[in-house]
Structures are given as structure tokens and as C-alpha cells.
Amino acid sequence: MKPYHHVLIIAMLVFLIILLYGDGFGAIPFLLSALYLISICVKELRHFKKSKRL
């Protein structure tokens, strides 16, 4: 993904947190952001493992 895609997704998640937190649904955007960060972490770990192999 391009860097601006990441910025756009994070901005959208922050907006959802602000919008839904007062209504008691703040856990939904936090769960989505956790899944997003886990997917980025897994992607980077796979890339790191491939780069270590020679």
C-alpha cells in the first residue's frame, strides 16, 4: 500500500472513534484499528523473514 492509504485509513479510524465513542460504540473502531495494526505487523514480519534469507 502507498503511504497515503495508511494515513487515510488511520484518519478514518480516528474519525470513527470520535464519532462513536460518545454513543457507547467506541470498541468497534478500536477493534478495527487493532486488526489493521495486526495485519500490518504480520505483513512486515513476513517481509523481514524473507529478507533475512540468503
PDB file of N, CA and C in Angstrom:
ATOM      1  N   MET A   1       0.832  -1.185   0.000  1.00  0.00           N
ATOM      2  CA  MET A   1       0.000   0.000   0.000  1.00  0.00           C
ATOM      3  C   MET A   1       0.873   1.244   0.000  1.00  0.00           C
ATOM      4  N   LYS A   2       0.340   2.243  -0.584  1.00  0.00           N
ATOM      5  CA  LYS A   2       1.031   3.530  -0.588  1.00  0.00           C
ATOM      6  C   LYS A   2       0.879   4.183   0.791  1.00  0.00           C
ATOM      7  N   PRO A   3       1.814   5.036   1.168  1.00  0.00           N
ATOM      8  CA  PRO A   3       1.732   5.684   2.492  1.00  0.00           C
ATOM      9  C   PRO A   3       0.455   6.494   2.696  1.00  0.00           C
ATOM     10  N   TYR A   4      -0.058   7.117   1.639  1.00  0.00           N
ATOM     11  CA  TYR A   4      -1.268   7.906   1.840  1.00  0.00           C
ATOM     12  C   TYR A   4      -2.485   7.019   2.099  1.00  0.00           C
ATOM     13  N   HIS A   5      -2.445   5.741   1.664  1.00  0.00           N
ATOM     14  CA  HIS A   5      -3.527   4.819   2.006  1.00  0.00           C
ATOM     15  C   HIS A   5      -3.551   4.582   3.514  1.00  0.00           C
ATOM     16  N   HIS A   6      -2.359   4.388   4.095  1.00  0.00           N
ATOM     17  CA  HIS A   6      -2.282   4.166   5.539  1.00  0.00           C
ATOM     18  C   HIS A   6      -2.776   5.385   6.306  1.00  0.00           C
ATOM     19  N   VAL A   7      -2.379   6.562   5.861  1.00  0.00           N
ATOM     20  CA  VAL A   7      -2.816   7.791   6.527  1.00  0.00           C
ATOM     21  C   VAL A   7      -4.325   7.936   6.426  1.00  0.00           C
ATOM     22  N   LEU A   8      -4.888   7.631   5.282  1.00  0.00           N
ATOM     23  CA  LEU A   8      -6.326   7.730   5.085  1.00  0.00           C
ATOM     24  C   LEU A   8      -7.086   6.743   5.975  1.00  0.00           C
ATOM     25  N   ILE A   9      -6.596   5.519   6.075  1.00  0.00           N
ATOM     26  CA  ILE A   9      -7.248   4.513   6.920  1.00  0.00           C
ATOM     27  C   ILE A   9      -7.166   4.913   8.386  1.00  0.00           C
ATOM     28  N   ILE A  10      -6.010   5.383   8.829  1.00  0.00           N
ATOM     29  CA  ILE A  10      -5.857   5.788  10.226  1.00  0.00           C
ATOM     30  C   ILE A  10      -6.724   6.999  10.538  1.00  0.00           C
ATOM     31  N   ALA A  11      -6.806   7.954   9.619  1.00  0.00           N
ATOM     32  CA  ALA A  11      -7.668   9.121   9.825  1.00  0.00           C
ATOM     33  C   ALA A  11      -9.138   8.704   9.916  1.00  0.00           C
ATOM     34  N   MET A  12      -9.536   7.759   9.080  1.00  0.00           N
ATOM     35  CA  MET A  12     -10.912   7.275   9.115  1.00  0.00           C
ATOM     36  C   MET A  12     -11.217   6.579  10.437  1.00  0.00           C
ATOM     37  N   LEU A  13     -10.271   5.786  10.934  1.00  0.00           N
ATOM     38  CA  LEU A  13     -10.472   5.101  12.206  1.00  0.00           C
ATOM     39  C   LEU A  13     -10.545   6.091  13.365  1.00  0.00           C
ATOM     40  N   VAL A  14      -9.715   7.118  13.354  1.00  0.00           N
ATOM     41  CA  VAL A  14      -9.765   8.148  14.395  1.00  0.00           C
ATOM     42  C   VAL A  14     -11.103   8.876  14.345  1.00  0.00           C
ATOM     43  N   PHE A  15     -11.575   9.182  13.135  1.00  0.00           N
ATOM     44  CA  PHE A  15     -12.875   9.831  12.988  1.00  0.00           C
ATOM     45  C   PHE A  15     -13.998   8.947  13.536  1.00  0.00           C
ATOM     46  N   LEU A  16     -13.943   7.651  13.245  1.00  0.00           N
ATOM     47  CA  LEU A  16     -14.953   6.735  13.772  1.00  0.00           C
ATOM     48  C   LEU A  16     -14.891   6.639  15.295  1.00  0.00           C
ATOM     49  N   ILE A  17     -13.697   6.665  15.855  1.00  0.00           N
ATOM     50  CA  ILE A  17     -13.561   6.623  17.309  1.00  0.00           C
ATOM     51  C   ILE A  17     -14.214   7.853  17.926  1.00  0.00           C
ATOM     52  N   ILE A  18     -13.938   9.020  17.352  1.00  0.00           N
ATOM     53  CA  ILE A  18     -14.524  10.261  17.875  1.00  0.00           C
ATOM     54  C   ILE A  18     -16.040  10.242  17.719  1.00  0.00           C
ATOM     55  N   LEU A  19     -16.516   9.772  16.581  1.00  0.00           N
ATOM     56  CA  LEU A  19     -17.939   9.771  16.290  1.00  0.00           C
ATOM     57  C   LEU A  19     -18.713   8.778  17.163  1.00  0.00           C
ATOM     58  N   LEU A  20     -18.187   7.580  17.340  1.00  0.00           N
ATOM     59  CA  LEU A  20     -18.917   6.518  18.014  1.00  0.00           C
ATOM     60  C   LEU A  20     -18.621   6.385  19.506  1.00  0.00           C
ATOM     61  N   TYR A  21     -17.575   7.025  19.997  1.00  0.00           N
ATOM     62  CA  TYR A  21     -17.184   6.833  21.394  1.00  0.00           C
ATOM     63  C   TYR A  21     -18.240   7.376  22.354  1.00  0.00           C
ATOM     64  N   GLY A  22     -18.838   8.509  22.034  1.00  0.00           N
ATOM     65  CA  GLY A  22     -19.842   9.105  22.913  1.00  0.00           C
ATOM     66  C   GLY A  22     -21.123   8.302  22.978  1.00  0.00           C
ATOM     67  N   ASP A  23     -21.410   7.511  21.932  1.00  0.00           N
ATOM     68  CA  ASP A  23     -22.625   6.705  21.886  1.00  0.00           C
ATOM     69  C   ASP A  23     -22.443   5.345  22.539  1.00  0.00           C
ATOM     70  N   GLY A  24     -21.256   5.043  23.001  1.00  0.00           N
ATOM     71  CA  GLY A  24     -21.015   3.762  23.642  1.00  0.00           C
ATOM     72  C   GLY A  24     -20.538   2.675  22.700  1.00  0.00           C
ATOM     73  N   PHE A  25     -20.258   3.032  21.464  1.00  0.00           N
ATOM     74  CA  PHE A  25     -19.783   2.059  20.487  1.00  0.00           C
ATOM     75  C   PHE A  25     -18.316   2.277  20.149  1.00  0.00           C
ATOM     76  N   GLY A  26     -17.559   2.775  21.075  1.00  0.00           N
ATOM     77  CA  GLY A  26     -16.151   3.074  20.835  1.00  0.00           C
ATOM     78  C   GLY A  26     -15.287   1.842  20.655  1.00  0.00           C
ATOM     79  N   ALA A  27     -15.778   0.686  21.082  1.00  0.00           N
ATOM     80  CA  ALA A  27     -14.985  -0.533  20.966  1.00  0.00           C
ATOM     81  C   ALA A  27     -14.869  -0.999  19.523  1.00  0.00           C
ATOM     82  N   ILE A  28     -15.835  -0.661  18.690  1.00  0.00           N
ATOM     83  CA  ILE A  28     -15.822  -1.114  17.300  1.00  0.00           C
ATOM     84  C   ILE A  28     -14.641  -0.518  16.530  1.00  0.00           C
ATOM     85  N   PRO A  29     -14.442   0.805  16.539  1.00  0.00           N
ATOM     86  CA  PRO A  29     -13.274   1.336  15.826  1.00  0.00           C
ATOM     87  C   PRO A  29     -11.943   0.900  16.445  1.00  0.00           C
ATOM     88  N   PHE A  30     -11.910   0.722  17.769  1.00  0.00           N
ATOM     89  CA  PHE A  30     -10.683   0.233  18.395  1.00  0.00           C
ATOM     90  C   PHE A  30     -10.381  -1.189  17.932  1.00  0.00           C
ATOM     91  N   LEU A  31     -11.404  -2.014  17.781  1.00  0.00           N
ATOM     92  CA  LEU A  31     -11.209  -3.367  17.286  1.00  0.00           C
ATOM     93  C   LEU A  31     -10.730  -3.348  15.842  1.00  0.00           C
ATOM     94  N   LEU A  32     -11.317  -2.487  15.024  1.00  0.00           N
ATOM     95  CA  LEU A  32     -10.884  -2.366  13.631  1.00  0.00           C
ATOM     96  C   LEU A  32      -9.444  -1.877  13.534  1.00  0.00           C
ATOM     97  N   SER A  33      -9.087  -0.922  14.375  1.00  0.00           N
ATOM     98  CA  SER A  33      -7.705  -0.431  14.337  1.00  0.00           C
ATOM     99  C   SER A  33      -6.723  -1.496  14.822  1.00  0.00           C
ATOM    100  N   ALA A  34      -7.120  -2.305  15.790  1.00  0.00           N
ATOM    101  CA  ALA A  34      -6.248  -3.397  16.239  1.00  0.00           C
ATOM    102  C   ALA A  34      -6.043  -4.416  15.122  1.00  0.00           C
ATOM    103  N   LEU A  35      -7.111  -4.750  14.406  1.00  0.00           N
ATOM    104  CA  LEU A  35      -6.984  -5.683  13.290  1.00  0.00           C
ATOM    105  C   LEU A  35      -6.102  -5.115  12.183  1.00  0.00           C
ATOM    106  N   TYR A  36      -6.235  -3.821  11.932  1.00  0.00           N
ATOM    107  CA  TYR A  36      -5.413  -3.162  10.916  1.00  0.00           C
ATOM    108  C   TYR A  36      -3.934  -3.205  11.316  1.00  0.00           C
ATOM    109  N   LEU A  37      -3.639  -2.889  12.556  1.00  0.00           N
ATOM    110  CA  LEU A  37      -2.249  -2.897  13.006  1.00  0.00           C
ATOM    111  C   LEU A  37      -1.667  -4.301  13.038  1.00  0.00           C
ATOM    112  N   ILE A  38      -2.480  -5.301  13.392  1.00  0.00           N
ATOM    113  CA  ILE A  38      -2.014  -6.692  13.376  1.00  0.00           C
ATOM    114  C   ILE A  38      -1.692  -7.124  11.948  1.00  0.00           C
ATOM    115  N   SER A  39      -2.543  -6.741  10.991  1.00  0.00           N
ATOM    116  CA  SER A  39      -2.283  -7.122   9.604  1.00  0.00           C
ATOM    117  C   SER A  39      -0.997  -6.477   9.082  1.00  0.00           C
ATOM    118  N   ILE A  40      -0.755  -5.217   9.441  1.00  0.00           N
ATOM    119  CA  ILE A  40       0.489  -4.553   9.035  1.00  0.00           C
ATOM    120  C   ILE A  40       1.689  -5.241   9.681  1.00  0.00           C
ATOM    121  N   CYS A  41       1.556  -5.621  10.939  1.00  0.00           N
ATOM    122  CA  CYS A  41       2.654  -6.289  11.651  1.00  0.00           C
ATOM    123  C   CYS A  41       2.979  -7.639  10.998  1.00  0.00           C
ATOM    124  N   VAL A  42       1.955  -8.418  10.670  1.00  0.00           N
ATOM    125  CA  VAL A  42       2.173  -9.717  10.033  1.00  0.00           C
ATOM    126  C   VAL A  42       2.835  -9.533   8.669  1.00  0.00           C
ATOM    127  N   LYS A  43       2.380  -8.545   7.912  1.00  0.00           N
ATOM    128  CA  LYS A  43       2.957  -8.271   6.600  1.00  0.00           C
ATOM    129  C   LYS A  43       4.433  -7.900   6.727  1.00  0.00           C
ATOM    130  N   GLU A  44       4.769  -7.051   7.691  1.00  0.00           N
ATOM    131  CA  GLU A  44       6.164  -6.642   7.880  1.00  0.00           C
ATOM    132  C   GLU A  44       7.029  -7.797   8.384  1.00  0.00           C
ATOM    133  N   LEU A  45       6.483  -8.637   9.247  1.00  0.00           N
ATOM    134  CA  LEU A  45       7.249  -9.788   9.727  1.00  0.00           C
ATOM    135  C   LEU A  45       7.549 -10.763   8.599  1.00  0.00           C
ATOM    136  N   ARG A  46       6.583 -10.987   7.728  1.00  0.00           N
ATOM    137  CA  ARG A  46       6.834 -11.859   6.574  1.00  0.00           C
ATOM    138  C   ARG A  46       7.914 -11.269   5.675  1.00  0.00           C
ATOM    139  N   HIS A  47       7.851  -9.972   5.464  1.00  0.00           N
ATOM    140  CA  HIS A  47       8.862  -9.306   4.644  1.00  0.00           C
ATOM    141  C   HIS A  47      10.241  -9.395   5.310  1.00  0.00           C
ATOM    142  N   PHE A  48      10.279  -9.248   6.627  1.00  0.00           N
ATOM    143  CA  PHE A  48      11.539  -9.322   7.362  1.00  0.00           C
ATOM    144  C   PHE A  48      12.135 -10.723   7.275  1.00  0.00           C
ATOM    145  N   LYS A  49      11.300 -11.757   7.408  1.00  0.00           N
ATOM    146  CA  LYS A  49      11.794 -13.130   7.332  1.00  0.00           C
ATOM    147  C   LYS A  49      12.341 -13.438   5.945  1.00  0.00           C
ATOM    148  N   LYS A  50      11.667 -12.945   4.904  1.00  0.00           N
ATOM    149  CA  LYS A  50      12.147 -13.191   3.542  1.00  0.00           C
ATOM    150  C   LYS A  50      13.462 -12.465   3.275  1.00  0.00           C
ATOM    151  N   SER A  51      13.633 -11.298   3.847  1.00  0.00           N
ATOM    152  CA  SER A  51      14.853 -10.526   3.608  1.00  0.00           C
ATOM    153  C   SER A  51      16.054 -11.114   4.353  1.00  0.00           C
ATOM    154  N   LYS A  52      15.824 -11.860   5.420  1.00  0.00           N
ATOM    155  CA  LYS A  52      16.915 -12.472   6.179  1.00  0.00           C
ATOM    156  C   LYS A  52      17.478 -13.695   5.473  1.00  0.00           C
ATOM    157  N   ARG A  53      16.673 -14.319   4.598  1.00  0.00           N
ATOM    158  CA  ARG A  53      17.134 -15.496   3.881  1.00  0.00           C
ATOM    159  C   ARG A  53      18.067 -15.086   2.748  1.00  0.00           C
ATOM    160  N   LEU A  54      19.111 -15.842   2.595  1.00  0.00           N
ATOM    161  CA  LEU A  54      20.058 -15.581   1.508  1.00  0.00           C
ATOM    162  C   LEU A  54      20.233 -16.814   0.644  1.00  0.00           C
TER     163      LEU A  54
END
